[in-house]
């Protein structure tokens, strides 16, 4: 079962008033000057797919100036069927989705029939390695929640519990409630937070252990088989040595005094982090820019492989201006190790050379 995007039409989307693209090869190079619409085309593919990342904060940013909504039409093959997806977005009053003529309010009831994409944009994706802990948590949760409904639900419930617990703590900090009444209710929220928090903690830890060897192999492939560098992962739970929900809850209780002073929850999985280590040194501090970019790329590749194993088909891979961030040797190595079963879209300002891919397998779209 393969996923292949055949056609994409854009109306009033970014700098596209009206444009239609046809894709007929596994690898698609999109070439053009800055501000020619290369990234916008990949953003459009993101919008009509399920993706762990989003490059925009609001659909409003995607609407062409002077219009109140945008339209996207995608034709793709999946599950040995042809699908037609119509997407109108940018405003709550006009948003709707049609799949093969049937209208839906969201992707939720049809997610198994919607394309899946993995995205890499050099600057943003680099934050997975060198950015704040929230960037790594977002990547971790995004990777897991799109395909794991139980994880997604637990994450939502944890967020609700955290919000309620913080509201309770603020009521004490603002002297709206007594310490006795707050402490009584706090015990209830501790139990709920431990229930979902411990579950999410275990899934995260197991996932990182599962992907570590594949991540290192991907790094070696892109880094030209640099056997002297080994990439590993280290999970940093905020609440350490939790072997059960009870352990998690007891450690939350130990934080009560601090939480009451701060008026917010100071510990939990919303504070967790994980590190990329190159030869046991933190990549965010000691690795070069090229090594950090290679770590981020290896991370995206392992994400794609993980989804492929779960889906039983390869997601589409979107690489935005990746060649500008890698030297020629690593570019060539990356192109050599592109996933053979995925459709791949690569944007660049120019092709300095034809990559090591059979001409029968790629097409070039010029936006100049």
Protein backbone atom coordinates (compact mmCIF):
# COMPACT_ATOMS: atom_id res chain seq x y z
CA UNK A 1 0.00 0.00 0.00
CA UNK A 2 1.68 3.25 -1.16
CA UNK A 3 0.86 6.92 -0.72
CA UNK A 4 1.39 9.17 -3.74
CA UNK A 5 0.31 12.79 -4.22
CA UNK A 6 -0.65 13.22 -7.88
CA UNK A 7 -2.03 16.75 -8.08
CA UNK A 8 -2.39 19.85 -5.91
CA UNK A 9 -4.37 23.00 -6.71
CA UNK A 10 -3.96 26.22 -4.72
CA UNK A 11 -6.34 29.20 -4.68
CA UNK A 12 -5.66 32.40 -2.70
CA UNK A 13 -2.97 30.57 -0.73
CA UNK A 14 0.04 32.69 0.26
CA UNK A 15 1.42 34.16 -2.98
CA UNK A 16 -0.57 31.77 -5.18
CA UNK A 17 -3.71 33.35 -6.64
CA UNK A 18 -4.41 30.22 -8.68
CA UNK A 19 -1.95 27.44 -9.50
CA UNK A 20 -2.09 23.71 -10.19
CA UNK A 21 0.80 21.27 -9.89
CA UNK A 22 1.03 17.71 -11.14
CA UNK A 23 3.48 15.26 -9.62
CA UNK A 24 4.48 12.12 -11.45
CA UNK A 25 7.82 11.11 -9.93
CA UNK A 26 8.87 9.79 -6.53
CA UNK A 27 11.32 12.66 -5.92
CA UNK A 28 10.25 16.22 -6.76
CA UNK A 29 12.75 19.09 -6.77
CA UNK A 30 11.10 22.52 -6.46
CA UNK A 31 13.51 25.21 -7.63
CA UNK A 32 13.11 28.97 -7.38
CA UNK A 33 14.47 32.20 -5.98
CA UNK A 34 13.65 33.34 -2.47
CA UNK A 35 9.99 34.37 -2.08
CA UNK A 36 9.02 32.48 -5.26
CA UNK A 37 6.61 30.18 -3.39
CA UNK A 38 8.75 27.08 -2.74
CA UNK A 39 8.03 26.86 0.98
CA UNK A 40 4.41 27.86 0.43
CA UNK A 41 3.93 24.83 -1.80
CA UNK A 42 5.23 22.55 0.96
CA UNK A 43 2.99 24.34 3.47
CA UNK A 44 0.01 23.57 1.24
CA UNK A 45 0.96 19.89 1.27
CA UNK A 46 1.18 20.10 5.06
CA UNK A 47 -2.33 21.57 5.29
CA UNK A 48 -3.93 18.70 3.34
CA UNK A 49 -2.12 16.10 5.43
CA UNK A 50 -1.57 14.96 9.00
CA UNK A 51 1.83 16.10 10.21
CA UNK A 52 3.66 16.10 13.53
CA UNK A 53 4.82 19.68 12.89
CA UNK A 54 3.23 22.87 11.68
CA UNK A 55 5.16 25.78 10.20
CA UNK A 56 2.38 28.31 10.77
CA UNK A 57 0.58 29.40 13.93
CA UNK A 58 -2.70 30.30 12.25
CA UNK A 59 -4.43 29.46 8.98
CA UNK A 60 -5.10 33.19 8.60
CA UNK A 61 -1.43 33.63 7.73
CA UNK A 62 -1.95 31.43 4.68
CA UNK A 63 -4.63 33.56 2.99
CA UNK A 64 -3.61 35.72 0.05
CA UNK A 65 -3.99 39.44 0.72
CA UNK A 66 -7.47 40.74 0.04
CA UNK A 67 -9.30 37.42 0.44
CA UNK A 68 -11.12 35.84 3.39
CA UNK A 69 -10.20 32.18 2.81
CA UNK A 70 -8.07 29.85 0.72
CA UNK A 71 -8.84 26.65 -1.18
CA UNK A 72 -6.70 23.57 -1.70
CA UNK A 73 -7.54 20.53 -3.79
CA UNK A 74 -5.44 17.38 -3.58
CA UNK A 75 -5.62 14.20 -5.60
CA UNK A 76 -3.70 11.23 -4.24
CA UNK A 77 -3.64 7.47 -4.17
CA UNK A 78 -3.73 5.52 -0.90
CA UNK A 79 -5.00 2.09 0.10
CA UNK A 80 -5.21 1.15 -3.59
CA UNK A 81 -7.82 3.88 -4.05
CA UNK A 82 -7.87 7.35 -5.56
CA UNK A 83 -8.90 10.17 -3.25
CA UNK A 84 -10.03 13.75 -3.89
CA UNK A 85 -9.62 16.11 -0.95
CA UNK A 86 -11.07 19.65 -0.97
CA UNK A 87 -9.98 21.97 1.85
CA UNK A 88 -11.31 25.47 2.48
CA UNK A 89 -9.65 27.25 5.38
CA UNK A 90 -8.42 30.45 6.92
CA UNK A 91 -11.65 31.51 8.60
CA UNK A 92 -13.95 29.70 11.07
CA UNK A 93 -16.97 30.74 9.02
CA UNK A 94 -15.87 29.08 5.77
CA UNK A 95 -13.69 26.14 6.82
CA UNK A 96 -14.79 22.79 5.51
CA UNK A 97 -13.28 19.55 4.28
CA UNK A 98 -14.59 17.27 1.58
CA UNK A 99 -13.20 13.82 0.91
CA UNK A 100 -14.52 12.19 -2.26
CA UNK A 101 -17.48 14.58 -2.13
CA UNK A 102 -18.47 13.94 1.51
CA UNK A 103 -18.17 16.91 3.86
CA UNK A 104 -16.45 16.80 7.27
CA UNK A 105 -15.64 19.37 9.94
CA UNK A 106 -12.18 17.99 10.71
CA UNK A 107 -9.74 15.23 9.77
CA UNK A 108 -10.61 13.26 12.93
CA UNK A 109 -13.24 10.89 11.47
CA UNK A 110 -11.24 10.31 8.26
CA UNK A 111 -7.64 10.44 9.54
CA UNK A 112 -6.82 6.95 8.24
CA UNK A 113 -7.57 8.14 4.67
CA UNK A 114 -5.66 11.45 4.94
CA UNK A 115 -2.05 11.68 3.69
CA UNK A 116 0.68 11.66 6.34
CA UNK A 117 3.75 13.86 5.94
CA UNK A 118 7.06 14.33 7.74
CA UNK A 119 8.56 17.82 7.42
CA UNK A 120 12.05 19.23 7.74
CA UNK A 121 12.74 22.95 7.56
CA UNK A 122 16.37 23.65 8.36
CA UNK A 123 16.04 26.50 10.83
CA UNK A 124 12.95 25.29 12.69
CA UNK A 125 13.92 21.62 12.73
CA UNK A 126 17.33 22.49 14.16
CA UNK A 127 15.53 23.64 17.30
CA UNK A 128 14.85 19.98 18.10
CA UNK A 129 18.55 19.68 18.88
CA UNK A 130 19.61 23.11 20.16
CA UNK A 131 16.35 24.76 21.20
CA UNK A 132 14.39 24.85 24.43
CA UNK A 133 13.04 21.66 26.06
CA UNK A 134 9.56 22.59 24.83
CA UNK A 135 10.77 22.11 21.22
CA UNK A 136 11.87 18.54 21.93
CA UNK A 137 8.69 17.74 23.86
CA UNK A 138 6.63 19.08 20.96
CA UNK A 139 8.48 16.83 18.50
CA UNK A 140 8.16 13.82 20.81
CA UNK A 141 4.45 14.33 21.47
CA UNK A 142 3.74 15.14 17.82
CA UNK A 143 5.43 11.96 16.66
CA UNK A 144 3.45 9.81 19.07
CA UNK A 145 0.00 11.41 19.24
CA UNK A 146 -0.82 11.50 15.52
CA UNK A 147 -0.97 7.71 15.25
CA UNK A 148 -1.62 6.69 18.87
CA UNK A 149 -5.13 7.69 19.95
CA UNK A 150 -4.57 6.49 23.54
CA UNK A 151 -1.47 8.66 23.86
CA UNK A 152 -3.33 11.61 22.32
CA UNK A 153 -6.21 11.28 24.78
CA UNK A 154 -3.87 10.90 27.76
CA UNK A 155 -1.97 14.01 26.66
CA UNK A 156 -5.20 16.02 26.43
CA UNK A 157 -6.37 14.81 29.84
CA UNK A 158 -3.01 15.58 31.41
CA UNK A 159 -3.18 19.12 29.99
CA UNK A 160 -6.67 19.60 31.46
CA UNK A 161 -5.56 18.33 34.87
CA UNK A 162 -2.51 20.61 34.77
CA UNK A 163 -4.73 23.58 33.95
CA UNK A 164 -7.09 22.80 36.85
CA UNK A 165 -4.23 22.18 39.27
CA UNK A 166 -2.57 25.48 38.31
CA UNK A 167 -5.87 27.32 38.72
CA UNK A 168 -6.20 25.87 42.21
CA UNK A 169 -2.64 26.89 43.13
CA UNK A 170 -3.21 30.42 41.83
CA UNK A 171 -6.32 30.75 43.99
CA UNK A 172 -4.12 30.24 47.06
CA UNK A 173 -1.34 32.52 45.81
CA UNK A 174 -3.92 35.26 45.23
CA UNK A 175 -5.34 34.63 48.73
CA UNK A 176 -8.76 33.62 47.40
CA UNK A 177 -8.79 30.28 49.24
CA UNK A 178 -7.35 28.92 52.46
CA UNK A 179 -4.42 26.52 52.53
CA UNK A 180 -6.53 23.77 54.12
CA UNK A 181 -9.16 23.81 51.36
CA UNK A 182 -6.54 23.99 48.64
CA UNK A 183 -4.52 21.08 50.05
CA UNK A 184 -7.62 18.87 50.24
CA UNK A 185 -8.44 19.42 46.58
CA UNK A 186 -4.79 19.27 45.53
CA UNK A 187 -4.63 15.61 46.55
CA UNK A 188 -7.36 14.79 44.02
CA UNK A 189 -5.49 16.52 41.19
CA UNK A 190 -2.24 14.83 42.22
CA UNK A 191 -3.84 11.41 41.71
CA UNK A 192 -5.19 12.40 38.28
CA UNK A 193 -1.89 13.92 37.20
CA UNK A 194 -0.02 10.79 38.30
CA UNK A 195 -2.44 8.56 36.40
CA UNK A 196 -1.85 10.24 33.03
CA UNK A 197 1.65 11.52 33.69
CA UNK A 198 3.13 8.13 34.52
CA UNK A 199 1.52 6.56 31.45
CA UNK A 200 2.91 9.27 29.15
CA UNK A 201 6.32 9.09 30.82
CA UNK A 202 6.60 5.35 30.15
CA UNK A 203 5.53 5.69 26.50
CA UNK A 204 8.07 8.45 25.91
CA UNK A 205 10.92 6.54 27.55
CA UNK A 206 10.13 3.33 25.64
CA UNK A 207 9.89 5.20 22.34
CA UNK A 208 13.27 6.89 22.75
CA UNK A 209 14.87 3.57 23.65
CA UNK A 210 13.24 1.95 20.62
CA UNK A 211 14.52 4.51 18.11
CA UNK A 212 18.01 5.14 19.49
CA UNK A 213 19.92 2.62 17.38
CA UNK A 214 18.06 3.53 14.18
CA UNK A 215 18.68 7.22 14.91
CA UNK A 216 22.40 6.59 15.22
CA UNK A 217 22.42 4.59 11.97
CA UNK A 218 20.63 7.40 10.15
CA UNK A 219 23.17 9.86 11.51
CA UNK A 220 26.03 7.67 10.28
CA UNK A 221 24.46 7.43 6.80
CA UNK A 222 24.09 11.20 6.40
CA UNK A 223 27.44 11.96 8.06
CA UNK A 224 29.28 9.80 5.54
CA UNK A 225 29.63 6.86 7.90
CA UNK A 226 31.62 8.75 10.51
CA UNK A 227 32.22 5.80 12.78
CA UNK A 228 34.08 7.97 15.28
CA UNK A 229 30.80 9.73 16.19
CA UNK A 230 28.00 7.88 17.96
CA UNK A 231 24.62 9.55 18.47
CA UNK A 232 22.63 8.51 21.53
CA UNK A 233 19.64 9.85 23.45
CA UNK A 234 19.18 10.61 27.14
CA UNK A 235 15.74 11.17 28.62
CA UNK A 236 15.58 13.69 31.48
CA UNK A 237 12.36 13.23 33.43
CA UNK A 238 11.54 16.07 35.79
CA UNK A 239 10.38 13.49 38.34
CA UNK A 240 13.12 10.86 38.45
CA UNK A 241 12.98 7.18 39.38
CA UNK A 242 9.21 6.81 39.02
CA UNK A 243 8.35 3.11 38.80
CA UNK A 244 4.61 3.48 39.37
CA UNK A 245 1.75 5.97 39.55
CA UNK A 246 2.22 5.96 43.33
CA UNK A 247 5.87 7.04 42.94
CA UNK A 248 4.80 9.81 40.59
CA UNK A 249 2.11 11.00 42.99
CA UNK A 250 4.43 10.96 46.01
CA UNK A 251 6.98 13.07 44.17
CA UNK A 252 4.25 15.57 43.29
CA UNK A 253 3.33 15.77 46.97
CA UNK A 254 6.94 16.62 47.83
CA UNK A 255 6.60 19.67 45.58
CA UNK A 256 3.48 21.04 47.30
CA UNK A 257 5.22 23.79 49.27
CA UNK A 258 7.08 25.04 46.21
CA UNK A 259 3.93 24.86 44.09
CA UNK A 260 1.97 26.89 46.62
CA UNK A 261 4.66 29.58 46.69
CA UNK A 262 4.89 29.78 42.90
CA UNK A 263 1.20 29.42 42.23
CA UNK A 264 1.83 26.79 39.55
CA UNK A 265 2.84 23.16 39.08
CA UNK A 266 6.63 23.03 39.21
CA UNK A 267 7.13 19.37 38.23
CA UNK A 268 5.66 16.79 35.87
CA UNK A 269 6.04 15.54 32.32
CA UNK A 270 5.36 19.08 31.03
CA UNK A 271 8.87 19.87 32.31
CA UNK A 272 10.65 16.80 30.88
CA UNK A 273 13.44 16.96 28.32
CA UNK A 274 15.74 14.68 26.35
CA UNK A 275 19.22 15.22 24.96
CA UNK A 276 21.10 14.31 21.81
CA UNK A 277 24.57 13.11 22.77
CA UNK A 278 27.48 12.82 20.35
CA UNK A 279 30.10 10.61 21.95
CA UNK A 280 28.39 11.27 25.30
CA UNK A 281 28.60 15.06 24.92
CA UNK A 282 25.52 17.27 24.55
CA UNK A 283 25.07 18.05 20.86
CA UNK A 284 23.34 21.36 21.59
CA UNK A 285 26.50 22.70 23.30
CA UNK A 286 29.46 20.84 21.78
CA UNK A 287 28.42 19.80 18.24
CA UNK A 288 29.15 21.92 15.18
CA UNK A 289 26.31 23.42 13.14
CA UNK A 290 26.76 20.68 10.55
CA UNK A 291 26.59 17.97 13.20
CA UNK A 292 23.49 19.53 14.75
CA UNK A 293 21.75 19.69 11.37
CA UNK A 294 22.66 16.08 10.73
CA UNK A 295 21.18 15.14 14.12
CA UNK A 296 17.95 16.93 13.22
CA UNK A 297 17.76 15.24 9.82
CA UNK A 298 18.44 11.82 11.36
CA UNK A 299 15.63 12.58 13.81
CA UNK A 300 13.18 13.27 10.97
CA UNK A 301 14.24 10.12 9.13
CA UNK A 302 13.66 7.95 12.19
CA UNK A 303 10.28 9.64 12.65
CA UNK A 304 9.40 8.69 9.08
CA UNK A 305 10.50 5.07 9.61
CA UNK A 306 8.51 4.84 12.85
CA UNK A 307 5.35 6.10 11.14
CA UNK A 308 5.93 3.81 8.18
CA UNK A 309 6.07 0.79 10.48
CA UNK A 310 2.84 1.85 12.18
CA UNK A 311 0.97 2.79 8.99
CA UNK A 312 2.25 -0.02 6.77
CA UNK A 313 3.01 2.59 4.11
CA UNK A 314 5.60 5.36 3.76
CA UNK A 315 4.57 8.96 4.57
CA UNK A 316 5.49 11.80 2.22
CA UNK A 317 8.76 13.55 3.14
CA UNK A 318 9.01 17.36 2.84
CA UNK A 319 12.53 18.85 2.88
CA UNK A 320 12.54 22.64 2.77
CA UNK A 321 15.81 24.20 1.56
CA UNK A 322 17.77 21.41 3.18
CA UNK A 323 20.64 21.61 0.69
CA UNK A 324 21.45 25.17 1.74
CA UNK A 325 22.24 23.95 5.24
CA UNK A 326 24.54 21.04 4.32
CA UNK A 327 27.92 20.89 2.61
CA UNK A 328 28.11 19.14 -0.76
CA UNK A 329 29.33 15.86 0.68
CA UNK A 330 26.45 15.65 3.16
CA UNK A 331 23.97 16.71 0.48
CA UNK A 332 25.12 13.87 -1.72
CA UNK A 333 24.99 11.47 1.21
CA UNK A 334 21.47 12.62 2.12
CA UNK A 335 20.21 12.17 -1.43
CA UNK A 336 21.80 8.69 -1.52
CA UNK A 337 19.87 7.69 1.59
CA UNK A 338 16.47 9.19 0.78
CA UNK A 339 13.76 6.69 1.69
CA UNK A 340 13.06 4.53 -1.34
CA UNK A 341 9.35 4.05 -0.64
CA UNK A 342 8.41 7.66 0.18
CA UNK A 343 7.45 10.41 -2.19
CA UNK A 344 9.91 13.22 -1.43
CA UNK A 345 9.57 16.97 -2.08
CA UNK A 346 12.79 19.03 -1.88
CA UNK A 347 12.97 22.81 -2.26
CA UNK A 348 16.16 24.63 -3.22
CA UNK A 349 17.22 27.87 -4.85
CA UNK A 350 19.25 25.97 -7.42
CA UNK A 351 20.67 22.55 -8.20
CA UNK A 352 24.44 22.75 -8.23
CA UNK A 353 24.53 19.25 -9.61
CA UNK A 354 22.16 16.41 -10.34
CA UNK A 355 21.99 14.21 -7.26
CA UNK A 356 22.77 10.55 -7.28
CA UNK A 357 19.22 9.56 -8.20
CA UNK A 358 18.10 7.89 -11.38
CA UNK A 359 16.58 10.43 -13.77
CA UNK A 360 13.59 8.14 -14.10
CA UNK A 361 12.72 8.76 -10.44
CA UNK A 362 12.69 12.55 -10.13
CA UNK A 363 11.11 15.60 -11.69
CA UNK A 364 12.03 19.27 -11.47
CA UNK A 365 9.48 22.05 -10.97
CA UNK A 366 10.83 25.53 -11.62
CA UNK A 367 9.08 28.50 -10.01
CA UNK A 368 11.36 31.14 -11.55
